[in-house]
């Protein structure tokens, strides 16, 4: 399977971001990718009021992404914002759409950390989501979810051999190191491939980055089920294709049956 990692740098304009996604979707399809993964907040960067940005999954932004995926015959994973419930006005959503799949995942673990309080405005998701592409089961996670091993174990136990993590990882002391460590650990915990796609580091193209805003540190990566980093995209905006062979999962799990050996869950 060929997977395109689209390490973009979103703006606060959904229309501009949609055009960026369309460009990358077309390019990935031309290169023969089966799947293209964009980061969390691909629809709109953090740092602006998200309530007026949020749209339903059948709204114009998601429908345009869906049309691009269908036109180019490729499956797309992209972060967006959908309407929330009560006073928590948005959901942090991953849209998954393509010729054979149309589903979504709402972020379960909300980012109440490092002085940020996502739970004040975001309605949490309630359950893990997996989907099937070309006979391969894939799980979905968003940013802060990567710090919670049980989510990845649960998806692996229900058949996932690839787990996708979309992020807009806040910068700060040690944060890039934590991102790399957590994504590798989740691959090893669950003996799955991890496809981790973060926003690019805005410092690579801008000198006016607002302090404390969760934007990105880059280092999108493909990680093997034994924790090997197959590809690291660095920090600047880029898109790269990586091939994976999910058939190796069986032999990895035979040699290292952590899912079967686990006792405390």
C-alpha atoms as a PDB file:
ATOM      1  CA  UNK A   1       0.000   0.000   0.000  1.00  0.00           C
ATOM      2  CA  UNK A   2       1.244   3.481  -0.874  1.00  0.00           C
ATOM      3  CA  UNK A   3       0.415   6.195   1.635  1.00  0.00           C
ATOM      4  CA  UNK A   4       0.974   9.922   1.098  1.00  0.00           C
ATOM      5  CA  UNK A   5       1.834  11.932   4.208  1.00  0.00           C
ATOM      6  CA  UNK A   6       0.764  15.544   3.655  1.00  0.00           C
ATOM      7  CA  UNK A   7       2.588  17.650   6.230  1.00  0.00           C
ATOM      8  CA  UNK A   8       0.850  20.926   5.484  1.00  0.00           C
ATOM      9  CA  UNK A   9       0.673  24.223   7.333  1.00  0.00           C
ATOM     10  CA  UNK A  10      -2.977  25.212   7.646  1.00  0.00           C
ATOM     11  CA  UNK A  11      -4.135  28.814   7.669  1.00  0.00           C
ATOM     12  CA  UNK A  12      -7.256  30.183   9.345  1.00  0.00           C
ATOM     13  CA  UNK A  13      -9.061  30.196   5.965  1.00  0.00           C
ATOM     14  CA  UNK A  14     -11.007  26.992   5.212  1.00  0.00           C
ATOM     15  CA  UNK A  15     -11.219  28.032   1.553  1.00  0.00           C
ATOM     16  CA  UNK A  16      -7.425  28.388   1.253  1.00  0.00           C
ATOM     17  CA  UNK A  17      -6.895  25.099   3.052  1.00  0.00           C
ATOM     18  CA  UNK A  18      -9.384  23.339   0.783  1.00  0.00           C
ATOM     19  CA  UNK A  19      -7.389  24.398  -2.275  1.00  0.00           C
ATOM     20  CA  UNK A  20      -4.200  23.153  -0.617  1.00  0.00           C
ATOM     21  CA  UNK A  21      -5.850  19.789   0.061  1.00  0.00           C
ATOM     22  CA  UNK A  22      -7.110  19.561  -3.520  1.00  0.00           C
ATOM     23  CA  UNK A  23      -3.600  20.177  -4.849  1.00  0.00           C
ATOM     24  CA  UNK A  24      -2.070  17.491  -2.646  1.00  0.00           C
ATOM     25  CA  UNK A  25      -4.879  15.003  -3.329  1.00  0.00           C
ATOM     26  CA  UNK A  26      -4.350  15.347  -7.080  1.00  0.00           C
ATOM     27  CA  UNK A  27      -0.573  15.058  -6.718  1.00  0.00           C
ATOM     28  CA  UNK A  28      -0.787  11.995  -4.468  1.00  0.00           C
ATOM     29  CA  UNK A  29      -3.177  10.280  -6.860  1.00  0.00           C
ATOM     30  CA  UNK A  30      -0.847  10.969  -9.804  1.00  0.00           C
ATOM     31  CA  UNK A  31       1.941   9.299  -7.859  1.00  0.00           C
ATOM     32  CA  UNK A  32      -0.170   6.208  -7.262  1.00  0.00           C
ATOM     33  CA  UNK A  33      -1.078   6.637  -3.588  1.00  0.00           C
ATOM     34  CA  UNK A  34      -3.956   4.592  -2.202  1.00  0.00           C
ATOM     35  CA  UNK A  35      -4.373   6.891   0.798  1.00  0.00           C
ATOM     36  CA  UNK A  36      -3.413  10.461   1.669  1.00  0.00           C
ATOM     37  CA  UNK A  37      -3.337  11.588   5.296  1.00  0.00           C
ATOM     38  CA  UNK A  38      -3.545  15.239   6.311  1.00  0.00           C
ATOM     39  CA  UNK A  39      -3.093  16.602   9.849  1.00  0.00           C
ATOM     40  CA  UNK A  40      -5.559  17.579  12.517  1.00  0.00           C
ATOM     41  CA  UNK A  41      -7.053  21.046  11.869  1.00  0.00           C
ATOM     42  CA  UNK A  42      -6.545  20.810   8.112  1.00  0.00           C
ATOM     43  CA  UNK A  43      -9.808  22.700   7.709  1.00  0.00           C
ATOM     44  CA  UNK A  44      -8.669  25.611   9.861  1.00  0.00           C
ATOM     45  CA  UNK A  45      -5.617  26.224  12.016  1.00  0.00           C
ATOM     46  CA  UNK A  46      -5.973  26.657  15.746  1.00  0.00           C
ATOM     47  CA  UNK A  47      -5.630  30.176  17.076  1.00  0.00           C
ATOM     48  CA  UNK A  48      -8.992  31.487  15.839  1.00  0.00           C
ATOM     49  CA  UNK A  49     -12.605  31.050  16.989  1.00  0.00           C
ATOM     50  CA  UNK A  50     -13.731  27.690  15.652  1.00  0.00           C
ATOM     51  CA  UNK A  51     -17.490  27.896  16.335  1.00  0.00           C
ATOM     52  CA  UNK A  52     -18.329  29.771  13.105  1.00  0.00           C
ATOM     53  CA  UNK A  53     -15.929  27.522  11.177  1.00  0.00           C
ATOM     54  CA  UNK A  54     -17.542  24.205  12.167  1.00  0.00           C
ATOM     55  CA  UNK A  55     -19.650  22.477   9.518  1.00  0.00           C
ATOM     56  CA  UNK A  56     -21.510  19.151   9.437  1.00  0.00           C
ATOM     57  CA  UNK A  57     -20.063  16.182   7.603  1.00  0.00           C
ATOM     58  CA  UNK A  58     -22.438  16.884   4.712  1.00  0.00           C
ATOM     59  CA  UNK A  59     -21.536  20.585   4.656  1.00  0.00           C
ATOM     60  CA  UNK A  60     -19.701  22.329   1.809  1.00  0.00           C
ATOM     61  CA  UNK A  61     -16.131  21.864   3.065  1.00  0.00           C
ATOM     62  CA  UNK A  62     -16.388  18.119   3.714  1.00  0.00           C
ATOM     63  CA  UNK A  63     -18.419  17.653   0.538  1.00  0.00           C
ATOM     64  CA  UNK A  64     -15.672  19.323  -1.493  1.00  0.00           C
ATOM     65  CA  UNK A  65     -13.022  17.047   0.033  1.00  0.00           C
ATOM     66  CA  UNK A  66     -15.281  14.078  -0.644  1.00  0.00           C
ATOM     67  CA  UNK A  67     -15.678  15.125  -4.284  1.00  0.00           C
ATOM     68  CA  UNK A  68     -11.904  15.503  -4.723  1.00  0.00           C
ATOM     69  CA  UNK A  69     -11.285  12.057  -3.235  1.00  0.00           C
ATOM     70  CA  UNK A  70     -13.913  10.509  -5.496  1.00  0.00           C
ATOM     71  CA  UNK A  71     -12.652  12.324  -8.603  1.00  0.00           C
ATOM     72  CA  UNK A  72      -9.067  11.167  -8.088  1.00  0.00           C
ATOM     73  CA  UNK A  73      -9.918   7.662  -6.841  1.00  0.00           C
ATOM     74  CA  UNK A  74      -8.015   8.029  -3.564  1.00  0.00           C
ATOM     75  CA  UNK A  75      -8.959   7.795   0.104  1.00  0.00           C
ATOM     76  CA  UNK A  76      -8.430  10.936   2.186  1.00  0.00           C
ATOM     77  CA  UNK A  77      -8.069  11.449   5.933  1.00  0.00           C
ATOM     78  CA  UNK A  78      -8.261  15.092   7.014  1.00  0.00           C
ATOM     79  CA  UNK A  79      -8.896  16.983  10.236  1.00  0.00           C
ATOM     80  CA  UNK A  80     -11.900  19.305  10.395  1.00  0.00           C
ATOM     81  CA  UNK A  81     -14.339  20.780  12.908  1.00  0.00           C
ATOM     82  CA  UNK A  82     -17.966  19.740  13.136  1.00  0.00           C
ATOM     83  CA  UNK A  83     -20.744  21.170  15.347  1.00  0.00           C
ATOM     84  CA  UNK A  84     -20.645  20.130  19.005  1.00  0.00           C
ATOM     85  CA  UNK A  85     -23.275  19.759  21.692  1.00  0.00           C
ATOM     86  CA  UNK A  86     -24.568  22.258  24.261  1.00  0.00           C
ATOM     87  CA  UNK A  87     -22.035  24.909  25.287  1.00  0.00           C
ATOM     88  CA  UNK A  88     -19.143  22.897  23.822  1.00  0.00           C
ATOM     89  CA  UNK A  89     -19.682  24.113  20.335  1.00  0.00           C
ATOM     90  CA  UNK A  90     -17.402  22.006  18.136  1.00  0.00           C
ATOM     91  CA  UNK A  91     -16.094  18.480  17.704  1.00  0.00           C
ATOM     92  CA  UNK A  92     -12.505  17.802  16.632  1.00  0.00           C
ATOM     93  CA  UNK A  93     -13.226  15.449  13.756  1.00  0.00           C
ATOM     94  CA  UNK A  94     -11.279  13.334  11.290  1.00  0.00           C
ATOM     95  CA  UNK A  95     -13.063  12.920   7.974  1.00  0.00           C
ATOM     96  CA  UNK A  96     -12.279   9.710   6.085  1.00  0.00           C
ATOM     97  CA  UNK A  97     -13.586   9.593   2.551  1.00  0.00           C
ATOM     98  CA  UNK A  98     -12.840   7.799  -0.693  1.00  0.00           C
ATOM     99  CA  UNK A  99     -14.298   5.512  -3.344  1.00  0.00           C
ATOM    100  CA  UNK A 100     -15.014   2.702  -0.854  1.00  0.00           C
ATOM    101  CA  UNK A 101     -15.213   4.420   2.535  1.00  0.00           C
ATOM    102  CA  UNK A 102     -16.968   7.365   4.149  1.00  0.00           C
ATOM    103  CA  UNK A 103     -16.710   7.670   7.911  1.00  0.00           C
ATOM    104  CA  UNK A 104     -15.440   9.971  10.650  1.00  0.00           C
ATOM    105  CA  UNK A 105     -13.842   9.977  14.088  1.00  0.00           C
ATOM    106  CA  UNK A 106     -14.344  12.512  16.884  1.00  0.00           C
ATOM    107  CA  UNK A 107     -11.332  13.014  19.141  1.00  0.00           C
ATOM    108  CA  UNK A 108     -11.872  11.189  22.440  1.00  0.00           C
ATOM    109  CA  UNK A 109      -9.079  12.545  24.643  1.00  0.00           C
ATOM    110  CA  UNK A 110      -9.289  16.325  24.834  1.00  0.00           C
ATOM    111  CA  UNK A 111      -6.175  18.416  25.284  1.00  0.00           C
ATOM    112  CA  UNK A 112      -6.416  19.772  28.831  1.00  0.00           C
ATOM    113  CA  UNK A 113      -2.671  20.077  29.284  1.00  0.00           C
ATOM    114  CA  UNK A 114       0.171  22.598  29.245  1.00  0.00           C
ATOM    115  CA  UNK A 115      -2.312  25.355  30.144  1.00  0.00           C
ATOM    116  CA  UNK A 116      -4.675  24.596  27.259  1.00  0.00           C
ATOM    117  CA  UNK A 117      -8.312  23.571  27.911  1.00  0.00           C
ATOM    118  CA  UNK A 118      -9.803  21.954  24.842  1.00  0.00           C
ATOM    119  CA  UNK A 119     -12.655  20.450  26.865  1.00  0.00           C
ATOM    120  CA  UNK A 120     -14.151  23.901  27.514  1.00  0.00           C
ATOM    121  CA  UNK A 121     -15.179  24.270  23.889  1.00  0.00           C
ATOM    122  CA  UNK A 122     -14.940  20.804  22.308  1.00  0.00           C
ATOM    123  CA  UNK A 123     -17.394  17.923  22.647  1.00  0.00           C
ATOM    124  CA  UNK A 124     -15.433  14.663  23.053  1.00  0.00           C
ATOM    125  CA  UNK A 125     -15.913  11.572  20.941  1.00  0.00           C
ATOM    126  CA  UNK A 126     -17.359   8.489  22.587  1.00  0.00           C
ATOM    127  CA  UNK A 127     -15.822   5.466  20.871  1.00  0.00           C
ATOM    128  CA  UNK A 128     -12.879   4.325  18.724  1.00  0.00           C
ATOM    129  CA  UNK A 129     -13.331   4.164  14.965  1.00  0.00           C
ATOM    130  CA  UNK A 130     -11.703   1.850  12.454  1.00  0.00           C
ATOM    131  CA  UNK A 131     -12.234   1.550   8.717  1.00  0.00           C
ATOM    132  CA  UNK A 132     -11.200  -0.877   5.984  1.00  0.00           C
ATOM    133  CA  UNK A 133      -9.213   0.030   2.886  1.00  0.00           C
ATOM    134  CA  UNK A 134      -8.102  -2.573   0.345  1.00  0.00           C
ATOM    135  CA  UNK A 135      -8.788  -5.295   2.911  1.00  0.00           C
ATOM    136  CA  UNK A 136      -6.662  -3.591   5.583  1.00  0.00           C
ATOM    137  CA  UNK A 137      -8.207  -2.395   8.846  1.00  0.00           C
ATOM    138  CA  UNK A 138      -7.032   1.019  10.030  1.00  0.00           C
ATOM    139  CA  UNK A 139      -7.643   2.875  13.277  1.00  0.00           C
ATOM    140  CA  UNK A 140      -7.937   6.617  13.847  1.00  0.00           C
ATOM    141  CA  UNK A 141      -6.536   8.897  16.533  1.00  0.00           C
ATOM    142  CA  UNK A 142      -6.040  12.620  16.948  1.00  0.00           C
ATOM    143  CA  UNK A 143      -3.086  14.380  18.572  1.00  0.00           C
ATOM    144  CA  UNK A 144      -3.440  14.042  22.393  1.00  0.00           C
ATOM    145  CA  UNK A 145      -4.961  10.564  21.848  1.00  0.00           C
ATOM    146  CA  UNK A 146      -1.406   9.349  21.186  1.00  0.00           C
ATOM    147  CA  UNK A 147      -0.620   9.588  24.902  1.00  0.00           C
ATOM    148  CA  UNK A 148      -3.259   6.922  25.717  1.00  0.00           C
ATOM    149  CA  UNK A 149      -2.068   3.388  24.864  1.00  0.00           C
ATOM    150  CA  UNK A 150      -5.428   1.737  25.585  1.00  0.00           C
ATOM    151  CA  UNK A 151      -7.007   3.372  22.549  1.00  0.00           C
ATOM    152  CA  UNK A 152      -4.393   1.856  20.249  1.00  0.00           C
ATOM    153  CA  UNK A 153      -4.619  -1.538  21.949  1.00  0.00           C
ATOM    154  CA  UNK A 154      -8.384  -1.568  21.578  1.00  0.00           C
ATOM    155  CA  UNK A 155      -8.165  -0.762  17.880  1.00  0.00           C
ATOM    156  CA  UNK A 156      -5.531  -3.472  17.368  1.00  0.00           C
ATOM    157  CA  UNK A 157      -7.672  -5.992  19.203  1.00  0.00           C
ATOM    158  CA  UNK A 158     -10.575  -5.215  16.872  1.00  0.00           C
ATOM    159  CA  UNK A 159      -8.424  -5.835  13.793  1.00  0.00           C
ATOM    160  CA  UNK A 160      -6.400  -2.711  13.081  1.00  0.00           C
ATOM    161  CA  UNK A 161      -2.953  -3.333  11.604  1.00  0.00           C
ATOM    162  CA  UNK A 162      -2.410   0.361  10.809  1.00  0.00           C
ATOM    163  CA  UNK A 163      -3.180   3.229  13.191  1.00  0.00           C
ATOM    164  CA  UNK A 164      -3.365   6.770  11.837  1.00  0.00           C
ATOM    165  CA  UNK A 165      -2.551   9.716  14.112  1.00  0.00           C
ATOM    166  CA  UNK A 166      -3.385  13.210  12.843  1.00  0.00           C
ATOM    167  CA  UNK A 167      -2.000  16.072  14.920  1.00  0.00           C
ATOM    168  CA  UNK A 168      -1.462  19.766  15.362  1.00  0.00           C
ATOM    169  CA  UNK A 169       1.173  19.201  18.030  1.00  0.00           C
ATOM    170  CA  UNK A 170       1.912  22.220  20.195  1.00  0.00           C
ATOM    171  CA  UNK A 171       5.549  23.262  20.336  1.00  0.00           C
ATOM    172  CA  UNK A 172       7.493  23.766  23.534  1.00  0.00           C
ATOM    173  CA  UNK A 173      10.434  22.358  25.493  1.00  0.00           C
ATOM    174  CA  UNK A 174      10.772  18.673  24.711  1.00  0.00           C
ATOM    175  CA  UNK A 175       7.519  18.497  22.747  1.00  0.00           C
ATOM    176  CA  UNK A 176       9.022  17.276  19.449  1.00  0.00           C
ATOM    177  CA  UNK A 177      10.891  14.587  21.372  1.00  0.00           C
ATOM    178  CA  UNK A 178       7.657  13.543  23.115  1.00  0.00           C
ATOM    179  CA  UNK A 179       5.812  13.347  19.770  1.00  0.00           C
ATOM    180  CA  UNK A 180       8.467  11.061  18.321  1.00  0.00           C
ATOM    181  CA  UNK A 181       8.590   8.905  21.452  1.00  0.00           C
ATOM    182  CA  UNK A 182       4.820   8.556  21.800  1.00  0.00           C
ATOM    183  CA  UNK A 183       4.228   7.601  18.167  1.00  0.00           C
ATOM    184  CA  UNK A 184       6.959   4.955  18.284  1.00  0.00           C
ATOM    185  CA  UNK A 185       5.663   3.609  21.593  1.00  0.00           C
ATOM    186  CA  UNK A 186       2.107   3.262  20.294  1.00  0.00           C
ATOM    187  CA  UNK A 187       3.370   1.270  17.303  1.00  0.00           C
ATOM    188  CA  UNK A 188       5.219  -1.083  19.652  1.00  0.00           C
ATOM    189  CA  UNK A 189       2.344  -1.304  22.166  1.00  0.00           C
ATOM    190  CA  UNK A 190      -0.133  -2.360  19.518  1.00  0.00           C
ATOM    191  CA  UNK A 191       2.214  -4.031  17.016  1.00  0.00           C
ATOM    192  CA  UNK A 192       0.722  -1.918  14.251  1.00  0.00           C
ATOM    193  CA  UNK A 193       2.100   0.448  11.678  1.00  0.00           C
ATOM    194  CA  UNK A 194       1.612   4.018  12.872  1.00  0.00           C
ATOM    195  CA  UNK A 195       1.068   6.710  10.267  1.00  0.00           C
ATOM    196  CA  UNK A 196       1.640   9.942  12.202  1.00  0.00           C
ATOM    197  CA  UNK A 197       0.934  13.183  10.349  1.00  0.00           C
ATOM    198  CA  UNK A 198       1.501  16.508  12.091  1.00  0.00           C
ATOM    199  CA  UNK A 199       1.174  20.073  10.913  1.00  0.00           C
ATOM    200  CA  UNK A 200       4.462  21.453   9.648  1.00  0.00           C
ATOM    201  CA  UNK A 201       6.479  23.613  12.017  1.00  0.00           C
ATOM    202  CA  UNK A 202       5.350  27.174  11.221  1.00  0.00           C
ATOM    203  CA  UNK A 203       8.764  28.492  12.256  1.00  0.00           C
ATOM    204  CA  UNK A 204      10.123  27.020   9.013  1.00  0.00           C
ATOM    205  CA  UNK A 205       8.174  29.588   6.982  1.00  0.00           C
ATOM    206  CA  UNK A 206       7.047  32.300   9.440  1.00  0.00           C
ATOM    207  CA  UNK A 207       8.605  34.478  12.086  1.00  0.00           C
ATOM    208  CA  UNK A 208       5.339  35.601  13.727  1.00  0.00           C
ATOM    209  CA  UNK A 209       4.152  32.360  15.350  1.00  0.00           C
ATOM    210  CA  UNK A 210       1.812  33.102  18.310  1.00  0.00           C
ATOM    211  CA  UNK A 211       3.251  31.758  21.549  1.00  0.00           C
ATOM    212  CA  UNK A 212       1.434  28.772  23.008  1.00  0.00           C
ATOM    213  CA  UNK A 213      -0.828  28.102  20.036  1.00  0.00           C
ATOM    214  CA  UNK A 214      -0.997  24.396  19.090  1.00  0.00           C
ATOM    215  CA  UNK A 215       0.148  24.496  15.490  1.00  0.00           C
ATOM    216  CA  UNK A 216       2.786  21.871  14.726  1.00  0.00           C
ATOM    217  CA  UNK A 217       6.338  20.616  15.096  1.00  0.00           C
ATOM    218  CA  UNK A 218       6.450  18.533  11.916  1.00  0.00           C
ATOM    219  CA  UNK A 219       8.195  15.151  12.068  1.00  0.00           C
ATOM    220  CA  UNK A 220       5.332  13.301  10.437  1.00  0.00           C
ATOM    221  CA  UNK A 221       6.434   9.688  10.238  1.00  0.00           C
ATOM    222  CA  UNK A 222       5.713   6.133   9.263  1.00  0.00           C
ATOM    223  CA  UNK A 223       6.642   3.733  12.035  1.00  0.00           C
ATOM    224  CA  UNK A 224       6.856  -0.047  11.832  1.00  0.00           C
ATOM    225  CA  UNK A 225       5.141  -2.389  14.317  1.00  0.00           C
ATOM    226  CA  UNK A 226       8.523  -2.925  15.978  1.00  0.00           C
ATOM    227  CA  UNK A 227       9.038   0.819  16.487  1.00  0.00           C
ATOM    228  CA  UNK A 228      11.413   1.438  13.582  1.00  0.00           C
ATOM    229  CA  UNK A 229      11.034   4.870  11.976  1.00  0.00           C
ATOM    230  CA  UNK A 230      10.634   4.070   8.294  1.00  0.00           C
ATOM    231  CA  UNK A 231      10.311   7.711   7.272  1.00  0.00           C
ATOM    232  CA  UNK A 232      10.503  11.075   9.069  1.00  0.00           C
ATOM    233  CA  UNK A 233       9.476  14.136   7.071  1.00  0.00           C
ATOM    234  CA  UNK A 234      11.419  16.713   9.082  1.00  0.00           C
ATOM    235  CA  UNK A 235       9.863  20.042   9.985  1.00  0.00           C
ATOM    236  CA  UNK A 236       8.996  21.976   6.792  1.00  0.00           C
ATOM    237  CA  UNK A 237       5.807  21.656   4.707  1.00  0.00           C
ATOM    238  CA  UNK A 238       6.097  18.661   2.381  1.00  0.00           C
ATOM    239  CA  UNK A 239       4.277  15.647   0.998  1.00  0.00           C
ATOM    240  CA  UNK A 240       5.952  12.277   0.611  1.00  0.00           C
ATOM    241  CA  UNK A 241       4.774   8.809  -0.359  1.00  0.00           C
ATOM    242  CA  UNK A 242       5.762   5.789   1.704  1.00  0.00           C
ATOM    243  CA  UNK A 243       5.061   2.150   0.939  1.00  0.00           C
ATOM    244  CA  UNK A 244       4.109  -0.272   3.705  1.00  0.00           C
ATOM    245  CA  UNK A 245       3.549  -4.015   3.696  1.00  0.00           C
ATOM    246  CA  UNK A 246       0.833  -4.916   6.228  1.00  0.00           C
ATOM    247  CA  UNK A 247       1.409  -8.620   5.581  1.00  0.00           C
ATOM    248  CA  UNK A 248       4.381  -8.484   7.981  1.00  0.00           C
ATOM    249  CA  UNK A 249       2.032  -7.863  10.913  1.00  0.00           C
ATOM    250  CA  UNK A 250       1.320 -11.581  11.341  1.00  0.00           C
ATOM    251  CA  UNK A 251       4.980 -12.502  11.623  1.00  0.00           C
ATOM    252  CA  UNK A 252       5.671  -9.620  14.010  1.00  0.00           C
ATOM    253  CA  UNK A 253       2.798 -10.691  16.247  1.00  0.00           C
ATOM    254  CA  UNK A 254       3.912 -14.309  16.168  1.00  0.00           C
ATOM    255  CA  UNK A 255       7.391 -13.318  17.283  1.00  0.00           C
ATOM    256  CA  UNK A 256       6.178 -10.675  19.748  1.00  0.00           C
ATOM    257  CA  UNK A 257       2.632 -11.569  20.869  1.00  0.00           C
ATOM    258  CA  UNK A 258       2.110  -8.647  23.240  1.00  0.00           C
ATOM    259  CA  UNK A 259      -1.612  -8.487  22.481  1.00  0.00           C
ATOM    260  CA  UNK A 260      -2.043 -12.122  23.537  1.00  0.00           C
ATOM    261  CA  UNK A 261       0.337 -11.909  26.476  1.00  0.00           C
ATOM    262  CA  UNK A 262      -1.246  -8.859  28.106  1.00  0.00           C
ATOM    263  CA  UNK A 263      -2.864  -9.659  31.484  1.00  0.00           C
ATOM    264  CA  UNK A 264      -3.813  -6.352  33.078  1.00  0.00           C
ATOM    265  CA  UNK A 265      -6.704  -5.019  31.035  1.00  0.00           C
END
